[in-house]
Amino acid sequence: MNTIKINKDRIIGDGHPCYVIAEIGINHNGSLEMAKKMIDAAVEAKCDAVKFQKRTPEICTPKDQWEIQRDTPWGRMTYIDYRRKVEFGVLEYSEIDTYCKMLGIDWFASPWDEPSVDFLMQFDPAIIKLASASLTDISLMKKVRQTGVPMMISTGMSTMNEIETVIEAIGTDNLMIAHTTSSYPCPPQELNLRMINTLQAMFPNNPIGYSGHEVGLATTVAAVAMGANFVERHFTLDRAMWGSDQAASVEPGGMSRLVKDIRDAEAAFGDGIKKVYESELAPMKRLRRAYINV
């Protein structure tokens, strides 16, 4: 059975509601107040979780890019100073942890380096997510594996051989696999949603999901109709805000519609057993002229 239990009582997998993740990432632009407003909006939209990203700037930023000057909302600064500016530390994540628990929404993050895994573990995360960019970082993958926390991986910009190689290295226990295409925003013809079914066939004992970077909502609902056990969409308060991920993100109104459409689709799936519903009896009596005697 392709199910994983998180937070003691939440199950992700077939037969359970799709787990909907609002990916805040660094769309908060280093503002804890902005992050809290995004959490509020995700709760209002009835998302199951919010997700952030955690980096050690000195590790994740190539040394030859440190002193490159960049225009930012806070003025012109070096790229390394910008990376530090938008990175939350222990004080901010402690506040996020408390705030999310108070509001009853899960939160977790994508570590981009090994010290960030240790950093996140102090908050007892329900899941640790590895971004598509980290798929080939076997050392980081194994570091996450050592925590024993359920692990989610994204498979964007990766070949099938790379996907199979990393999963062979880390194993399939407590593993969720997300199909994605890593372009921002992604054109519909490159979403390749049938990969969800391909991954289901390859890894029948693992929850398979979808991480979307497209504009619009219909294709994410389609992913759920195709069997995605969890979905993730980048989330923002305003797509016009400064930041590289904003344009490919969903605003609060859109996220509310997305969650509602997903729940409506799930309600519509039914059980596959043909029946005559009570609501059909009056139309049947009014419209049908002949009946088969069986």
Protein backbone atom coordinates (compact mmCIF):
# COMPACT_ATOMS: atom_id res chain seq x y z
CA MET A 1 0.00 0.00 0.00
CA ASN A 2 1.46 3.35 -1.03
CA THR A 3 0.75 5.27 2.17
CA ILE A 4 2.91 7.24 4.57
CA LYS A 5 1.86 8.51 7.98
CA ILE A 6 3.01 11.94 9.15
CA ASN A 7 2.22 13.89 12.31
CA LYS A 8 0.92 10.72 13.99
CA ASP A 9 -2.49 10.70 12.29
CA ARG A 10 -2.24 12.22 8.78
CA ILE A 11 -1.93 9.64 6.01
CA ILE A 12 -0.73 10.50 2.50
CA GLY A 13 -1.47 8.00 -0.27
CA ASP A 14 -4.24 6.21 -2.16
CA GLY A 15 -7.62 6.29 -0.46
CA HIS A 16 -6.85 9.51 1.40
CA PRO A 17 -7.42 13.18 0.52
CA CYS A 18 -4.73 14.81 -1.60
CA TYR A 19 -2.21 16.60 0.61
CA VAL A 20 -2.04 20.21 -0.61
CA ILE A 21 1.17 22.17 -0.02
CA ALA A 22 1.56 25.94 -0.41
CA GLU A 23 5.22 26.48 -1.28
CA ILE A 24 6.16 29.83 0.24
CA GLY A 25 9.85 29.19 -0.43
CA ILE A 26 11.59 32.57 -0.19
CA ASN A 27 8.60 34.55 -1.50
CA HIS A 28 8.49 36.17 1.94
CA ASN A 29 11.60 38.15 0.88
CA GLY A 30 13.11 37.83 4.34
CA SER A 31 10.10 39.30 6.16
CA LEU A 32 8.65 37.27 9.05
CA GLU A 33 5.56 39.47 8.97
CA MET A 34 5.07 38.62 5.28
CA ALA A 35 5.60 34.92 6.02
CA LYS A 36 2.89 35.00 8.67
CA LYS A 37 0.47 36.68 6.26
CA MET A 38 1.20 33.91 3.76
CA ILE A 39 0.57 31.26 6.42
CA ASP A 40 -2.73 32.97 7.28
CA ALA A 41 -3.72 32.94 3.61
CA ALA A 42 -2.78 29.26 3.23
CA VAL A 43 -4.89 28.39 6.28
CA GLU A 44 -7.78 30.41 4.85
CA ALA A 45 -7.42 28.48 1.57
CA LYS A 46 -7.55 25.19 3.55
CA CYS A 47 -4.10 24.00 2.50
CA ASP A 48 -2.64 21.13 4.48
CA ALA A 49 0.89 22.54 4.72
CA VAL A 50 3.18 25.45 3.97
CA LYS A 51 6.74 24.87 2.85
CA PHE A 52 9.86 27.03 3.05
CA GLN A 53 13.45 26.70 1.82
CA LYS A 54 16.52 26.63 4.05
CA ARG A 55 20.05 27.39 2.87
CA THR A 56 23.42 28.17 4.36
CA PRO A 57 24.30 31.06 2.02
CA GLU A 58 28.06 30.59 2.32
CA ILE A 59 27.69 26.97 1.16
CA CYS A 60 24.97 27.31 -1.46
CA THR A 61 26.24 30.47 -3.16
CA PRO A 62 29.17 29.88 -5.53
CA LYS A 63 32.17 31.83 -4.31
CA ASP A 64 32.65 33.55 -7.68
CA GLN A 65 29.16 35.09 -7.32
CA TRP A 66 29.54 36.49 -3.80
CA GLU A 67 30.66 39.98 -4.79
CA ILE A 68 28.40 40.44 -7.82
CA GLN A 69 26.30 43.55 -7.29
CA ARG A 70 22.53 43.14 -7.42
CA ASP A 71 19.62 45.59 -7.33
CA THR A 72 17.17 44.60 -4.60
CA PRO A 73 14.21 46.17 -2.77
CA TRP A 74 16.72 47.09 -0.04
CA GLY A 75 19.10 48.81 -2.42
CA ARG A 76 22.15 47.64 -4.33
CA MET A 77 24.12 44.93 -2.53
CA THR A 78 26.38 41.96 -3.16
CA TYR A 79 24.73 38.68 -4.07
CA ILE A 80 25.96 36.99 -0.87
CA ASP A 81 24.47 39.79 1.23
CA TYR A 82 21.20 39.40 -0.64
CA ARG A 83 21.18 35.64 0.06
CA ARG A 84 21.74 36.37 3.74
CA LYS A 85 19.01 39.01 3.72
CA VAL A 86 16.27 36.62 2.58
CA GLU A 87 17.35 33.69 4.77
CA PHE A 88 15.45 32.96 7.97
CA GLY A 89 17.35 31.85 11.07
CA VAL A 90 16.41 30.12 14.30
CA LEU A 91 14.41 33.06 15.68
CA GLU A 92 12.20 33.31 12.59
CA TYR A 93 11.67 29.58 12.24
CA SER A 94 10.89 29.25 15.94
CA GLU A 95 8.16 31.84 15.44
CA ILE A 96 6.93 30.06 12.29
CA ASP A 97 6.85 26.75 14.16
CA THR A 98 4.80 28.22 17.00
CA TYR A 99 2.50 30.09 14.61
CA CYS A 100 1.76 27.08 12.42
CA LYS A 101 1.06 24.86 15.42
CA MET A 102 -1.32 27.50 16.77
CA LEU A 103 -3.18 27.61 13.44
CA GLY A 104 -3.16 23.85 12.92
CA ILE A 105 -1.25 23.74 9.64
CA ASP A 106 1.83 21.62 8.90
CA TRP A 107 5.07 23.28 7.88
CA PHE A 108 8.35 21.96 6.59
CA ALA A 109 11.22 23.08 4.38
CA SER A 110 13.67 22.07 1.68
CA PRO A 111 17.27 22.03 2.95
CA TRP A 112 19.81 22.84 0.26
CA ASP A 113 22.88 21.77 2.22
CA GLU A 114 23.77 19.38 5.01
CA PRO A 115 23.99 21.92 7.89
CA SER A 116 20.46 23.01 6.97
CA VAL A 117 19.24 19.45 7.59
CA ASP A 118 20.60 19.64 11.14
CA PHE A 119 19.05 23.09 11.51
CA LEU A 120 15.57 21.85 10.53
CA MET A 121 15.70 18.81 12.80
CA GLN A 122 15.44 20.98 15.91
CA PHE A 123 11.81 21.64 14.89
CA ASP A 124 10.84 17.96 14.54
CA PRO A 125 9.57 18.33 10.95
CA ALA A 126 6.79 16.07 9.65
CA ILE A 127 8.52 15.84 6.25
CA ILE A 128 11.81 16.91 4.72
CA LYS A 129 11.56 17.89 1.06
CA LEU A 130 14.48 17.75 -1.36
CA ALA A 131 14.20 20.12 -4.30
CA SER A 132 14.76 19.01 -7.90
CA ALA A 133 18.09 20.82 -7.88
CA SER A 134 19.24 18.48 -5.11
CA LEU A 135 18.19 15.21 -6.75
CA THR A 136 21.73 14.27 -7.77
CA ASP A 137 23.25 15.28 -4.41
CA ILE A 138 23.46 11.75 -2.99
CA SER A 139 25.36 12.94 0.09
CA LEU A 140 22.56 15.37 0.99
CA MET A 141 19.94 12.72 0.28
CA LYS A 142 21.65 10.26 2.61
CA LYS A 143 21.98 12.93 5.29
CA VAL A 144 18.21 13.40 5.19
CA ARG A 145 17.70 9.63 5.21
CA GLN A 146 19.70 9.38 8.45
CA THR A 147 17.11 11.55 10.23
CA GLY A 148 14.38 8.93 9.79
CA VAL A 149 11.91 11.67 8.83
CA PRO A 150 9.57 10.95 5.87
CA MET A 151 11.26 12.26 2.75
CA MET A 152 9.79 13.95 -0.32
CA ILE A 153 11.79 14.36 -3.51
CA SER A 154 11.07 16.32 -6.69
CA THR A 155 12.23 15.01 -10.04
CA GLY A 156 12.46 18.10 -12.24
CA MET A 157 15.33 18.51 -14.73
CA SER A 158 16.21 14.85 -14.18
CA THR A 159 16.49 11.80 -16.42
CA MET A 160 14.84 8.50 -15.61
CA ASN A 161 18.30 7.05 -15.01
CA GLU A 162 19.06 9.77 -12.44
CA ILE A 163 15.73 9.17 -10.68
CA GLU A 164 16.28 5.41 -10.53
CA THR A 165 19.89 5.83 -9.41
CA VAL A 166 19.07 8.10 -6.48
CA ILE A 167 16.13 5.97 -5.32
CA GLU A 168 18.31 2.89 -5.48
CA ALA A 169 20.83 4.73 -3.29
CA ILE A 170 18.37 5.95 -0.67
CA GLY A 171 15.70 3.24 -0.77
CA THR A 172 11.93 3.56 -0.99
CA ASP A 173 10.92 3.44 2.69
CA ASN A 174 8.97 6.51 3.84
CA LEU A 175 9.56 8.15 0.45
CA MET A 176 7.23 10.44 -1.50
CA ILE A 177 8.08 11.16 -5.13
CA ALA A 178 6.87 14.27 -6.95
CA HIS A 179 6.78 14.64 -10.71
CA THR A 180 7.68 18.15 -11.84
CA THR A 181 9.13 20.15 -14.71
CA SER A 182 11.57 22.79 -13.51
CA SER A 183 10.74 25.77 -15.67
CA TYR A 184 9.20 28.94 -14.23
CA PRO A 185 6.50 29.32 -15.39
CA CYS A 186 6.13 26.00 -17.17
CA PRO A 187 4.17 25.87 -20.46
CA PRO A 188 1.32 23.31 -20.42
CA GLN A 189 2.86 21.23 -23.22
CA GLU A 190 5.90 20.56 -21.01
CA LEU A 191 4.01 19.50 -17.87
CA ASN A 192 3.91 15.84 -19.01
CA LEU A 193 1.35 14.82 -16.38
CA ARG A 194 1.35 11.21 -17.60
CA MET A 195 4.68 10.90 -15.78
CA ILE A 196 2.55 10.62 -12.63
CA ASN A 197 1.24 7.31 -13.96
CA THR A 198 4.74 6.27 -15.05
CA LEU A 199 6.07 6.83 -11.53
CA GLN A 200 3.07 5.02 -10.04
CA ALA A 201 3.88 1.98 -12.15
CA MET A 202 7.58 2.13 -11.26
CA PHE A 203 7.10 2.74 -7.53
CA PRO A 204 3.71 1.22 -6.58
CA ASN A 205 4.47 1.30 -2.85
CA ASN A 206 5.22 5.04 -2.69
CA PRO A 207 2.91 8.07 -2.70
CA ILE A 208 3.35 9.88 -6.01
CA GLY A 209 2.62 13.59 -6.27
CA TYR A 210 2.99 16.65 -8.42
CA SER A 211 4.86 19.91 -7.93
CA GLY A 212 3.59 22.51 -10.40
CA HIS A 213 5.13 25.72 -11.70
CA GLU A 214 2.56 26.50 -14.35
CA VAL A 215 0.24 29.47 -14.67
CA GLY A 216 -3.38 28.47 -13.97
CA LEU A 217 -5.05 25.87 -11.81
CA ALA A 218 -6.76 23.34 -14.10
CA THR A 219 -3.65 21.28 -14.76
CA THR A 220 -2.98 20.79 -11.05
CA VAL A 221 -6.55 19.53 -10.58
CA ALA A 222 -5.90 17.24 -13.57
CA ALA A 223 -2.83 15.89 -11.76
CA VAL A 224 -5.06 14.92 -8.82
CA ALA A 225 -7.54 13.30 -11.21
CA MET A 226 -4.61 11.28 -12.58
CA GLY A 227 -3.84 9.99 -9.10
CA ALA A 228 -1.45 12.48 -7.48
CA ASN A 229 -1.46 11.83 -3.73
CA PHE A 230 -0.02 15.26 -2.94
CA VAL A 231 0.39 18.51 -4.85
CA GLU A 232 2.59 21.53 -4.31
CA ARG A 233 2.26 24.98 -5.84
CA HIS A 234 4.38 28.06 -5.25
CA PHE A 235 2.39 30.59 -3.23
CA THR A 236 2.49 34.37 -2.91
CA LEU A 237 0.33 37.24 -1.75
CA ASP A 238 0.91 39.11 -5.02
CA ARG A 239 2.59 37.85 -8.20
CA ALA A 240 3.84 41.39 -8.83
CA MET A 241 6.02 41.28 -5.70
CA TRP A 242 9.79 41.32 -6.14
CA GLY A 243 11.41 37.90 -6.45
CA SER A 244 12.24 35.23 -9.01
CA ASP A 245 9.47 32.79 -7.99
CA GLN A 246 6.59 35.26 -7.71
CA ALA A 247 5.39 35.12 -11.33
CA ALA A 248 4.99 31.33 -11.25
CA SER A 249 3.12 31.41 -7.92
CA VAL A 250 -0.55 31.19 -6.99
CA GLU A 251 -2.19 34.07 -5.13
CA PRO A 252 -4.57 33.48 -2.17
CA GLY A 253 -7.79 33.61 -4.19
CA GLY A 254 -6.37 31.15 -6.68
CA MET A 255 -5.18 28.82 -3.93
CA SER A 256 -8.64 28.81 -2.36
CA ARG A 257 -10.18 27.89 -5.73
CA LEU A 258 -7.53 25.23 -6.30
CA VAL A 259 -8.16 23.48 -2.98
CA LYS A 260 -11.95 23.67 -3.51
CA ASP A 261 -11.63 22.26 -7.04
CA ILE A 262 -9.41 19.44 -5.77
CA ARG A 263 -11.92 18.53 -3.05
CA ASP A 264 -14.81 18.70 -5.55
CA ALA A 265 -12.89 16.44 -7.93
CA GLU A 266 -12.19 13.95 -5.13
CA ALA A 267 -15.88 13.91 -4.17
CA ALA A 268 -16.75 13.27 -7.83
CA PHE A 269 -14.45 10.24 -8.23
CA GLY A 270 -16.97 7.90 -6.60
CA ASP A 271 -16.37 4.18 -6.19
CA GLY A 272 -16.75 2.99 -9.80
CA ILE A 273 -19.87 0.96 -9.03
CA LYS A 274 -22.84 1.90 -11.20
CA LYS A 275 -25.98 2.80 -9.27
CA VAL A 276 -29.17 4.78 -9.69
CA TYR A 277 -29.13 7.70 -7.28
CA GLU A 278 -32.23 8.91 -5.47
CA SER A 279 -31.81 12.25 -7.25
CA GLU A 280 -32.33 10.40 -10.57
CA LEU A 281 -35.67 8.80 -9.65
CA ALA A 282 -37.88 11.79 -10.41
CA PRO A 283 -36.21 12.50 -13.81
CA MET A 284 -36.39 8.77 -14.62
CA LYS A 285 -40.11 8.68 -13.90
CA ARG A 286 -40.68 11.83 -15.95
CA LEU A 287 -38.45 11.06 -18.94
CA ARG A 288 -38.20 7.31 -19.39
CA ARG A 289 -41.02 5.67 -21.37
CA ALA A 290 -39.89 2.06 -21.50
CA TYR A 291 -38.34 -0.18 -18.85
CA ILE A 292 -36.40 -3.42 -19.07
CA ASN A 293 -37.79 -6.24 -16.95
CA VAL A 294 -34.96 -8.06 -15.25
